[in-house]
């Protein structure tokens, strides 16, 4: 019994030292409602109750499936890093897609009516800024797939936040950025073999950001394809015959890049 107990203690210490488990966090996650133009948005707040005072806030914009557990999990992971995170709802009423046809419909409607997306994003940002444990002067946004494209287009519009990070997101512009428009620093984390983004689109995006004078970091992961951070990607790929796949190595590395990015922009 003593040997078993000692082994468990050693294992626990190893996990703590490697940062895989923290004995000092007390993560609270809760569903929250906010509204925009009469539409109720079903979000999710996550933060560490053991941290006192105000901290930076991060918005998490969901994939084309809608606000789901994946977005909430990423919010909790951000809370573990010491941030207050809001997983936003851009579709309204917590609407989720169960099939790619619906996901494509929901996401394309918003991209075609980007004023609505902007209004809903702004409502989420204002809600986050109003939280008593959030420093309203230190806000960033991250997005996945559809959400990645959304945060990049928010940056193009000159939204006043510290930075945006896109994970396997679309690069197309709703309205191309003009010189001096982009205030946020930009991090793009891209699967080098993503079938949804062409080399021409990548070059056009980089040239657009250069012309706009944006502070851009673009990182590609060889062998990674679309949705490489989502452990459910393989299930979606098999069920709907989509070119998606989880890539644990790219997931780990891209999250590490995000941690460095957020640490840098919030120190400046």
C-alpha atoms as a PDB file:
ATOM      1  CA  UNK A   1       0.000   0.000   0.000  1.00  0.00           C
ATOM      2  CA  UNK A   2       2.837   2.380   0.893  1.00  0.00           C
ATOM      3  CA  UNK A   3       4.563   1.720  -2.426  1.00  0.00           C
ATOM      4  CA  UNK A   4       1.345   2.329  -4.389  1.00  0.00           C
ATOM      5  CA  UNK A   5       0.690   5.578  -2.531  1.00  0.00           C
ATOM      6  CA  UNK A   6       4.260   6.749  -3.076  1.00  0.00           C
ATOM      7  CA  UNK A   7       4.014   5.995  -6.798  1.00  0.00           C
ATOM      8  CA  UNK A   8       0.820   7.997  -7.085  1.00  0.00           C
ATOM      9  CA  UNK A   9       2.454  10.961  -5.364  1.00  0.00           C
ATOM     10  CA  UNK A  10       5.415  10.805  -7.734  1.00  0.00           C
ATOM     11  CA  UNK A  11       3.102  10.649 -10.781  1.00  0.00           C
ATOM     12  CA  UNK A  12       1.105  13.614  -9.506  1.00  0.00           C
ATOM     13  CA  UNK A  13       4.283  15.647  -9.010  1.00  0.00           C
ATOM     14  CA  UNK A  14       5.426  14.841 -12.543  1.00  0.00           C
ATOM     15  CA  UNK A  15       2.141  16.035 -14.005  1.00  0.00           C
ATOM     16  CA  UNK A  16       2.262  19.233 -11.956  1.00  0.00           C
ATOM     17  CA  UNK A  17       5.847  20.010 -12.954  1.00  0.00           C
ATOM     18  CA  UNK A  18       5.116  19.452 -16.639  1.00  0.00           C
ATOM     19  CA  UNK A  19       2.135  21.782 -16.506  1.00  0.00           C
ATOM     20  CA  UNK A  20      -0.393  19.070 -17.375  1.00  0.00           C
ATOM     21  CA  UNK A  21      -2.229  19.473 -14.079  1.00  0.00           C
ATOM     22  CA  UNK A  22      -2.346  22.557 -11.877  1.00  0.00           C
ATOM     23  CA  UNK A  23      -3.065  22.254  -8.187  1.00  0.00           C
ATOM     24  CA  UNK A  24      -3.578  26.017  -7.971  1.00  0.00           C
ATOM     25  CA  UNK A  25      -6.471  26.543 -10.357  1.00  0.00           C
ATOM     26  CA  UNK A  26     -10.177  26.527  -9.674  1.00  0.00           C
ATOM     27  CA  UNK A  27     -11.813  26.834 -13.080  1.00  0.00           C
ATOM     28  CA  UNK A  28     -15.400  27.981 -13.171  1.00  0.00           C
ATOM     29  CA  UNK A  29     -17.394  27.575 -16.359  1.00  0.00           C
ATOM     30  CA  UNK A  30     -20.939  28.838 -16.716  1.00  0.00           C
ATOM     31  CA  UNK A  31     -23.491  29.401 -19.433  1.00  0.00           C
ATOM     32  CA  UNK A  32     -24.296  33.077 -19.960  1.00  0.00           C
ATOM     33  CA  UNK A  33     -26.843  34.987 -22.015  1.00  0.00           C
ATOM     34  CA  UNK A  34     -26.312  38.298 -23.734  1.00  0.00           C
ATOM     35  CA  UNK A  35     -28.243  39.877 -26.572  1.00  0.00           C
ATOM     36  CA  UNK A  36     -27.886  41.716 -29.839  1.00  0.00           C
ATOM     37  CA  UNK A  37     -30.705  43.349 -31.799  1.00  0.00           C
ATOM     38  CA  UNK A  38     -33.300  41.359 -29.886  1.00  0.00           C
ATOM     39  CA  UNK A  39     -31.567  38.000 -30.424  1.00  0.00           C
ATOM     40  CA  UNK A  40     -30.463  36.075 -27.347  1.00  0.00           C
ATOM     41  CA  UNK A  41     -26.906  34.803 -27.648  1.00  0.00           C
ATOM     42  CA  UNK A  42     -25.977  31.691 -25.650  1.00  0.00           C
ATOM     43  CA  UNK A  43     -22.365  32.062 -24.552  1.00  0.00           C
ATOM     44  CA  UNK A  44     -20.086  30.421 -22.015  1.00  0.00           C
ATOM     45  CA  UNK A  45     -17.720  32.130 -19.563  1.00  0.00           C
ATOM     46  CA  UNK A  46     -14.682  30.426 -18.063  1.00  0.00           C
ATOM     47  CA  UNK A  47     -12.204  31.826 -15.530  1.00  0.00           C
ATOM     48  CA  UNK A  48     -10.056  30.815 -12.581  1.00  0.00           C
ATOM     49  CA  UNK A  49     -11.755  31.747  -9.319  1.00  0.00           C
ATOM     50  CA  UNK A  50      -8.422  31.652  -7.498  1.00  0.00           C
ATOM     51  CA  UNK A  51      -7.129  34.652  -9.448  1.00  0.00           C
ATOM     52  CA  UNK A  52      -8.020  37.921  -7.787  1.00  0.00           C
ATOM     53  CA  UNK A  53      -8.585  41.166  -9.601  1.00  0.00           C
ATOM     54  CA  UNK A  54      -8.872  41.898 -13.288  1.00  0.00           C
ATOM     55  CA  UNK A  55      -7.238  39.838 -16.006  1.00  0.00           C
ATOM     56  CA  UNK A  56      -7.121  39.899 -19.838  1.00  0.00           C
ATOM     57  CA  UNK A  57     -10.172  38.588 -21.695  1.00  0.00           C
ATOM     58  CA  UNK A  58     -10.266  36.340 -24.740  1.00  0.00           C
ATOM     59  CA  UNK A  59     -13.192  35.713 -27.082  1.00  0.00           C
ATOM     60  CA  UNK A  60     -13.469  32.230 -28.618  1.00  0.00           C
ATOM     61  CA  UNK A  61     -15.322  32.081 -31.931  1.00  0.00           C
ATOM     62  CA  UNK A  62     -16.708  28.675 -32.834  1.00  0.00           C
ATOM     63  CA  UNK A  63     -16.359  26.496 -35.938  1.00  0.00           C
ATOM     64  CA  UNK A  64     -19.110  26.387 -38.545  1.00  0.00           C
ATOM     65  CA  UNK A  65     -20.925  23.794 -36.401  1.00  0.00           C
ATOM     66  CA  UNK A  66     -21.910  26.561 -33.975  1.00  0.00           C
ATOM     67  CA  UNK A  67     -21.287  27.155 -30.290  1.00  0.00           C
ATOM     68  CA  UNK A  68     -20.620  23.691 -28.902  1.00  0.00           C
ATOM     69  CA  UNK A  69     -18.554  21.829 -26.325  1.00  0.00           C
ATOM     70  CA  UNK A  70     -15.378  22.224 -28.358  1.00  0.00           C
ATOM     71  CA  UNK A  71     -15.516  26.023 -28.085  1.00  0.00           C
ATOM     72  CA  UNK A  72     -16.288  25.699 -24.379  1.00  0.00           C
ATOM     73  CA  UNK A  73     -13.315  23.401 -23.845  1.00  0.00           C
ATOM     74  CA  UNK A  74     -11.006  25.941 -25.449  1.00  0.00           C
ATOM     75  CA  UNK A  75     -12.471  28.631 -23.170  1.00  0.00           C
ATOM     76  CA  UNK A  76     -11.646  26.482 -20.133  1.00  0.00           C
ATOM     77  CA  UNK A  77      -8.112  25.935 -21.444  1.00  0.00           C
ATOM     78  CA  UNK A  78      -7.681  29.701 -21.689  1.00  0.00           C
ATOM     79  CA  UNK A  79      -8.989  30.059 -18.137  1.00  0.00           C
ATOM     80  CA  UNK A  80      -6.294  27.620 -17.030  1.00  0.00           C
ATOM     81  CA  UNK A  81      -3.750  30.045 -18.500  1.00  0.00           C
ATOM     82  CA  UNK A  82      -5.112  32.833 -16.317  1.00  0.00           C
ATOM     83  CA  UNK A  83      -7.467  34.551 -18.758  1.00  0.00           C
ATOM     84  CA  UNK A  84     -11.206  35.150 -18.638  1.00  0.00           C
ATOM     85  CA  UNK A  85     -12.634  33.552 -21.771  1.00  0.00           C
ATOM     86  CA  UNK A  86     -16.005  33.897 -23.451  1.00  0.00           C
ATOM     87  CA  UNK A  87     -17.028  31.259 -25.978  1.00  0.00           C
ATOM     88  CA  UNK A  88     -19.326  33.335 -28.160  1.00  0.00           C
ATOM     89  CA  UNK A  89     -22.492  32.443 -30.023  1.00  0.00           C
ATOM     90  CA  UNK A  90     -22.589  34.018 -33.476  1.00  0.00           C
ATOM     91  CA  UNK A  91     -25.608  32.082 -34.747  1.00  0.00           C
ATOM     92  CA  UNK A  92     -27.949  33.123 -31.939  1.00  0.00           C
ATOM     93  CA  UNK A  93     -30.067  31.109 -29.493  1.00  0.00           C
ATOM     94  CA  UNK A  94     -27.216  28.598 -29.243  1.00  0.00           C
ATOM     95  CA  UNK A  95     -28.093  27.234 -32.687  1.00  0.00           C
ATOM     96  CA  UNK A  96     -25.920  24.320 -33.805  1.00  0.00           C
ATOM     97  CA  UNK A  97     -25.578  22.472 -37.087  1.00  0.00           C
ATOM     98  CA  UNK A  98     -25.794  18.691 -37.111  1.00  0.00           C
ATOM     99  CA  UNK A  99     -24.918  18.339 -40.811  1.00  0.00           C
ATOM    100  CA  UNK A 100     -22.402  20.130 -43.084  1.00  0.00           C
ATOM    101  CA  UNK A 101     -25.249  21.408 -45.265  1.00  0.00           C
ATOM    102  CA  UNK A 102     -26.708  23.284 -42.313  1.00  0.00           C
ATOM    103  CA  UNK A 103     -23.277  24.408 -41.129  1.00  0.00           C
ATOM    104  CA  UNK A 104     -22.524  25.815 -44.565  1.00  0.00           C
ATOM    105  CA  UNK A 105     -25.872  27.574 -44.662  1.00  0.00           C
ATOM    106  CA  UNK A 106     -25.514  29.134 -41.212  1.00  0.00           C
ATOM    107  CA  UNK A 107     -21.938  30.293 -41.741  1.00  0.00           C
ATOM    108  CA  UNK A 108     -22.416  31.607 -45.281  1.00  0.00           C
ATOM    109  CA  UNK A 109     -25.464  33.623 -44.218  1.00  0.00           C
ATOM    110  CA  UNK A 110     -23.365  35.440 -41.645  1.00  0.00           C
ATOM    111  CA  UNK A 111     -20.438  36.010 -43.985  1.00  0.00           C
ATOM    112  CA  UNK A 112     -22.801  37.426 -46.602  1.00  0.00           C
ATOM    113  CA  UNK A 113     -24.390  39.657 -43.966  1.00  0.00           C
ATOM    114  CA  UNK A 114     -21.220  40.565 -42.164  1.00  0.00           C
ATOM    115  CA  UNK A 115     -22.753  43.606 -40.516  1.00  0.00           C
ATOM    116  CA  UNK A 116     -24.802  41.137 -38.461  1.00  0.00           C
ATOM    117  CA  UNK A 117     -21.682  39.118 -37.595  1.00  0.00           C
ATOM    118  CA  UNK A 118     -19.879  42.311 -36.610  1.00  0.00           C
ATOM    119  CA  UNK A 119     -22.747  43.435 -34.415  1.00  0.00           C
ATOM    120  CA  UNK A 120     -22.898  40.067 -32.669  1.00  0.00           C
ATOM    121  CA  UNK A 121     -19.133  39.936 -32.219  1.00  0.00           C
ATOM    122  CA  UNK A 122     -19.182  43.446 -30.763  1.00  0.00           C
ATOM    123  CA  UNK A 123     -22.006  42.507 -28.395  1.00  0.00           C
ATOM    124  CA  UNK A 124     -19.935  39.567 -27.147  1.00  0.00           C
ATOM    125  CA  UNK A 125     -16.859  41.752 -26.755  1.00  0.00           C
ATOM    126  CA  UNK A 126     -18.775  44.372 -24.792  1.00  0.00           C
ATOM    127  CA  UNK A 127     -20.272  41.678 -22.570  1.00  0.00           C
ATOM    128  CA  UNK A 128     -16.783  40.339 -21.841  1.00  0.00           C
ATOM    129  CA  UNK A 129     -15.411  43.818 -21.115  1.00  0.00           C
ATOM    130  CA  UNK A 130     -18.212  44.430 -18.609  1.00  0.00           C
ATOM    131  CA  UNK A 131     -17.303  41.430 -16.451  1.00  0.00           C
ATOM    132  CA  UNK A 132     -15.903  42.543 -13.085  1.00  0.00           C
ATOM    133  CA  UNK A 133     -12.855  40.274 -13.391  1.00  0.00           C
ATOM    134  CA  UNK A 134     -11.869  41.467 -16.889  1.00  0.00           C
ATOM    135  CA  UNK A 135      -9.501  44.258 -17.853  1.00  0.00           C
ATOM    136  CA  UNK A 136     -11.415  45.943 -20.717  1.00  0.00           C
ATOM    137  CA  UNK A 137      -8.200  47.352 -22.137  1.00  0.00           C
ATOM    138  CA  UNK A 138      -6.707  43.901 -22.722  1.00  0.00           C
ATOM    139  CA  UNK A 139      -8.959  41.882 -25.039  1.00  0.00           C
ATOM    140  CA  UNK A 140      -8.067  39.375 -27.764  1.00  0.00           C
ATOM    141  CA  UNK A 141     -10.023  36.942 -29.938  1.00  0.00           C
ATOM    142  CA  UNK A 142      -9.305  33.480 -31.297  1.00  0.00           C
ATOM    143  CA  UNK A 143     -11.321  31.477 -33.791  1.00  0.00           C
ATOM    144  CA  UNK A 144     -11.471  28.027 -35.314  1.00  0.00           C
ATOM    145  CA  UNK A 145     -12.283  27.296 -38.986  1.00  0.00           C
ATOM    146  CA  UNK A 146     -15.268  29.581 -39.649  1.00  0.00           C
ATOM    147  CA  UNK A 147     -14.394  31.419 -36.440  1.00  0.00           C
ATOM    148  CA  UNK A 148     -10.844  31.926 -37.637  1.00  0.00           C
ATOM    149  CA  UNK A 149     -12.142  33.638 -40.747  1.00  0.00           C
ATOM    150  CA  UNK A 150     -14.421  35.781 -38.588  1.00  0.00           C
ATOM    151  CA  UNK A 151     -11.653  37.079 -36.311  1.00  0.00           C
ATOM    152  CA  UNK A 152      -9.406  37.831 -39.298  1.00  0.00           C
ATOM    153  CA  UNK A 153     -12.189  39.876 -40.877  1.00  0.00           C
ATOM    154  CA  UNK A 154     -12.772  41.674 -37.596  1.00  0.00           C
ATOM    155  CA  UNK A 155      -9.108  42.641 -37.621  1.00  0.00           C
ATOM    156  CA  UNK A 156      -9.433  43.817 -41.231  1.00  0.00           C
ATOM    157  CA  UNK A 157     -12.227  46.158 -40.118  1.00  0.00           C
ATOM    158  CA  UNK A 158      -9.946  47.721 -37.546  1.00  0.00           C
ATOM    159  CA  UNK A 159     -11.666  46.390 -34.440  1.00  0.00           C
ATOM    160  CA  UNK A 160      -9.860  47.769 -31.415  1.00  0.00           C
ATOM    161  CA  UNK A 161      -8.464  44.726 -29.627  1.00  0.00           C
ATOM    162  CA  UNK A 162      -4.915  43.624 -28.848  1.00  0.00           C
ATOM    163  CA  UNK A 163      -4.756  40.656 -31.196  1.00  0.00           C
ATOM    164  CA  UNK A 164      -6.526  37.877 -33.072  1.00  0.00           C
ATOM    165  CA  UNK A 165      -5.477  34.292 -33.707  1.00  0.00           C
ATOM    166  CA  UNK A 166      -6.926  32.020 -36.381  1.00  0.00           C
ATOM    167  CA  UNK A 167      -6.681  28.234 -36.188  1.00  0.00           C
ATOM    168  CA  UNK A 168      -7.230  26.541 -39.589  1.00  0.00           C
ATOM    169  CA  UNK A 169      -9.448  29.459 -40.561  1.00  0.00           C
ATOM    170  CA  UNK A 170     -10.534  30.834 -43.907  1.00  0.00           C
ATOM    171  CA  UNK A 171      -8.403  33.654 -45.327  1.00  0.00           C
ATOM    172  CA  UNK A 172     -10.898  35.307 -47.688  1.00  0.00           C
ATOM    173  CA  UNK A 173     -11.688  38.968 -47.087  1.00  0.00           C
ATOM    174  CA  UNK A 174     -15.211  40.288 -46.731  1.00  0.00           C
ATOM    175  CA  UNK A 175     -13.593  43.673 -47.389  1.00  0.00           C
ATOM    176  CA  UNK A 176      -9.814  43.789 -47.940  1.00  0.00           C
ATOM    177  CA  UNK A 177      -7.892  45.766 -45.348  1.00  0.00           C
ATOM    178  CA  UNK A 178      -6.502  49.123 -46.346  1.00  0.00           C
ATOM    179  CA  UNK A 179      -3.217  50.556 -45.144  1.00  0.00           C
ATOM    180  CA  UNK A 180      -3.423  51.506 -41.487  1.00  0.00           C
ATOM    181  CA  UNK A 181      -6.773  49.777 -40.888  1.00  0.00           C
ATOM    182  CA  UNK A 182      -5.494  46.800 -38.903  1.00  0.00           C
ATOM    183  CA  UNK A 183      -4.901  47.647 -35.245  1.00  0.00           C
ATOM    184  CA  UNK A 184      -4.765  44.113 -33.849  1.00  0.00           C
ATOM    185  CA  UNK A 185      -1.710  41.909 -34.102  1.00  0.00           C
ATOM    186  CA  UNK A 186      -2.479  38.771 -36.113  1.00  0.00           C
ATOM    187  CA  UNK A 187      -1.452  35.141 -35.681  1.00  0.00           C
ATOM    188  CA  UNK A 188      -2.478  32.574 -38.301  1.00  0.00           C
ATOM    189  CA  UNK A 189      -2.000  28.889 -37.483  1.00  0.00           C
ATOM    190  CA  UNK A 190      -2.524  26.938 -40.679  1.00  0.00           C
ATOM    191  CA  UNK A 191      -2.483  23.323 -41.799  1.00  0.00           C
ATOM    192  CA  UNK A 192      -0.040  23.185 -44.708  1.00  0.00           C
ATOM    193  CA  UNK A 193      -2.122  20.505 -46.465  1.00  0.00           C
ATOM    194  CA  UNK A 194      -5.526  22.116 -45.835  1.00  0.00           C
ATOM    195  CA  UNK A 195      -7.748  21.289 -48.828  1.00  0.00           C
ATOM    196  CA  UNK A 196      -9.997  24.292 -48.203  1.00  0.00           C
ATOM    197  CA  UNK A 197      -7.282  26.934 -48.601  1.00  0.00           C
ATOM    198  CA  UNK A 198      -5.241  27.236 -51.806  1.00  0.00           C
ATOM    199  CA  UNK A 199      -1.620  28.434 -52.072  1.00  0.00           C
ATOM    200  CA  UNK A 200      -2.911  31.364 -54.104  1.00  0.00           C
ATOM    201  CA  UNK A 201      -5.219  32.391 -51.266  1.00  0.00           C
ATOM    202  CA  UNK A 202      -2.327  32.245 -48.814  1.00  0.00           C
ATOM    203  CA  UNK A 203      -0.138  34.454 -50.970  1.00  0.00           C
ATOM    204  CA  UNK A 204      -2.981  36.896 -51.551  1.00  0.00           C
ATOM    205  CA  UNK A 205      -3.650  37.083 -47.817  1.00  0.00           C
ATOM    206  CA  UNK A 206      -0.001  37.718 -46.986  1.00  0.00           C
ATOM    207  CA  UNK A 207       0.223  40.405 -49.638  1.00  0.00           C
ATOM    208  CA  UNK A 208      -2.967  42.033 -48.336  1.00  0.00           C
ATOM    209  CA  UNK A 209      -1.587  42.100 -44.794  1.00  0.00           C
ATOM    210  CA  UNK A 210       1.723  43.520 -46.034  1.00  0.00           C
ATOM    211  CA  UNK A 211      -0.047  46.267 -47.954  1.00  0.00           C
ATOM    212  CA  UNK A 212      -2.185  47.043 -44.908  1.00  0.00           C
ATOM    213  CA  UNK A 213       0.909  47.285 -42.705  1.00  0.00           C
ATOM    214  CA  UNK A 214      -0.422  44.581 -40.386  1.00  0.00           C
ATOM    215  CA  UNK A 215       1.704  42.843 -37.753  1.00  0.00           C
ATOM    216  CA  UNK A 216       1.301  39.263 -39.030  1.00  0.00           C
ATOM    217  CA  UNK A 217       2.766  35.941 -37.990  1.00  0.00           C
ATOM    218  CA  UNK A 218       1.804  33.066 -40.298  1.00  0.00           C
ATOM    219  CA  UNK A 219       2.757  29.535 -39.242  1.00  0.00           C
ATOM    220  CA  UNK A 220       2.082  26.398 -41.304  1.00  0.00           C
ATOM    221  CA  UNK A 221       2.200  22.838 -39.986  1.00  0.00           C
ATOM    222  CA  UNK A 222       3.359  20.231 -42.520  1.00  0.00           C
ATOM    223  CA  UNK A 223       1.025  17.271 -42.838  1.00  0.00           C
ATOM    224  CA  UNK A 224      -1.820  19.020 -41.030  1.00  0.00           C
ATOM    225  CA  UNK A 225      -5.147  19.482 -42.784  1.00  0.00           C
ATOM    226  CA  UNK A 226      -8.360  21.295 -41.937  1.00  0.00           C
ATOM    227  CA  UNK A 227      -9.634  21.167 -38.345  1.00  0.00           C
ATOM    228  CA  UNK A 228      -6.307  19.829 -37.070  1.00  0.00           C
ATOM    229  CA  UNK A 229      -6.931  21.056 -33.504  1.00  0.00           C
ATOM    230  CA  UNK A 230     -10.284  19.333 -33.004  1.00  0.00           C
ATOM    231  CA  UNK A 231     -10.134  15.793 -31.654  1.00  0.00           C
ATOM    232  CA  UNK A 232     -13.615  15.204 -33.130  1.00  0.00           C
ATOM    233  CA  UNK A 233     -12.369  15.954 -36.661  1.00  0.00           C
ATOM    234  CA  UNK A 234     -11.792  12.298 -37.530  1.00  0.00           C
ATOM    235  CA  UNK A 235     -15.368  11.475 -36.550  1.00  0.00           C
ATOM    236  CA  UNK A 236     -16.723  14.287 -38.727  1.00  0.00           C
ATOM    237  CA  UNK A 237     -14.468  13.193 -41.592  1.00  0.00           C
ATOM    238  CA  UNK A 238     -15.724   9.623 -41.499  1.00  0.00           C
ATOM    239  CA  UNK A 239     -19.370  10.507 -40.974  1.00  0.00           C
ATOM    240  CA  UNK A 240     -19.610  13.176 -43.682  1.00  0.00           C
ATOM    241  CA  UNK A 241     -16.712  12.264 -45.997  1.00  0.00           C
ATOM    242  CA  UNK A 242     -14.899  15.549 -45.383  1.00  0.00           C
ATOM    243  CA  UNK A 243     -11.146  16.276 -45.709  1.00  0.00           C
ATOM    244  CA  UNK A 244     -10.648  16.822 -41.978  1.00  0.00           C
ATOM    245  CA  UNK A 245      -8.258  15.206 -39.502  1.00  0.00           C
ATOM    246  CA  UNK A 246      -7.003  15.768 -36.006  1.00  0.00           C
ATOM    247  CA  UNK A 247      -3.241  16.240 -35.743  1.00  0.00           C
ATOM    248  CA  UNK A 248      -2.004  15.995 -32.159  1.00  0.00           C
ATOM    249  CA  UNK A 249       1.421  17.415 -32.934  1.00  0.00           C
ATOM    250  CA  UNK A 250       0.070  20.452 -34.780  1.00  0.00           C
ATOM    251  CA  UNK A 251      -2.564  20.924 -32.075  1.00  0.00           C
ATOM    252  CA  UNK A 252       0.073  20.977 -29.348  1.00  0.00           C
ATOM    253  CA  UNK A 253       2.452  23.242 -31.241  1.00  0.00           C
ATOM    254  CA  UNK A 254      -0.235  25.709 -32.315  1.00  0.00           C
ATOM    255  CA  UNK A 255      -1.544  26.022 -28.748  1.00  0.00           C
ATOM    256  CA  UNK A 256       1.996  26.735 -27.634  1.00  0.00           C
ATOM    257  CA  UNK A 257       2.235  29.496 -30.242  1.00  0.00           C
ATOM    258  CA  UNK A 258      -1.041  30.956 -28.997  1.00  0.00           C
ATOM    259  CA  UNK A 259       0.255  31.024 -25.425  1.00  0.00           C
ATOM    260  CA  UNK A 260       3.338  32.955 -26.525  1.00  0.00           C
ATOM    261  CA  UNK A 261       1.248  35.297 -28.670  1.00  0.00           C
ATOM    262  CA  UNK A 262      -1.206  36.159 -25.896  1.00  0.00           C
ATOM    263  CA  UNK A 263       1.581  36.603 -23.378  1.00  0.00           C
ATOM    264  CA  UNK A 264       3.329  39.052 -25.693  1.00  0.00           C
ATOM    265  CA  UNK A 265       0.348  41.179 -26.727  1.00  0.00           C
ATOM    266  CA  UNK A 266      -0.951  41.502 -23.179  1.00  0.00           C
ATOM    267  CA  UNK A 267       2.447  42.603 -21.862  1.00  0.00           C
ATOM    268  CA  UNK A 268       2.733  45.440 -24.381  1.00  0.00           C
END
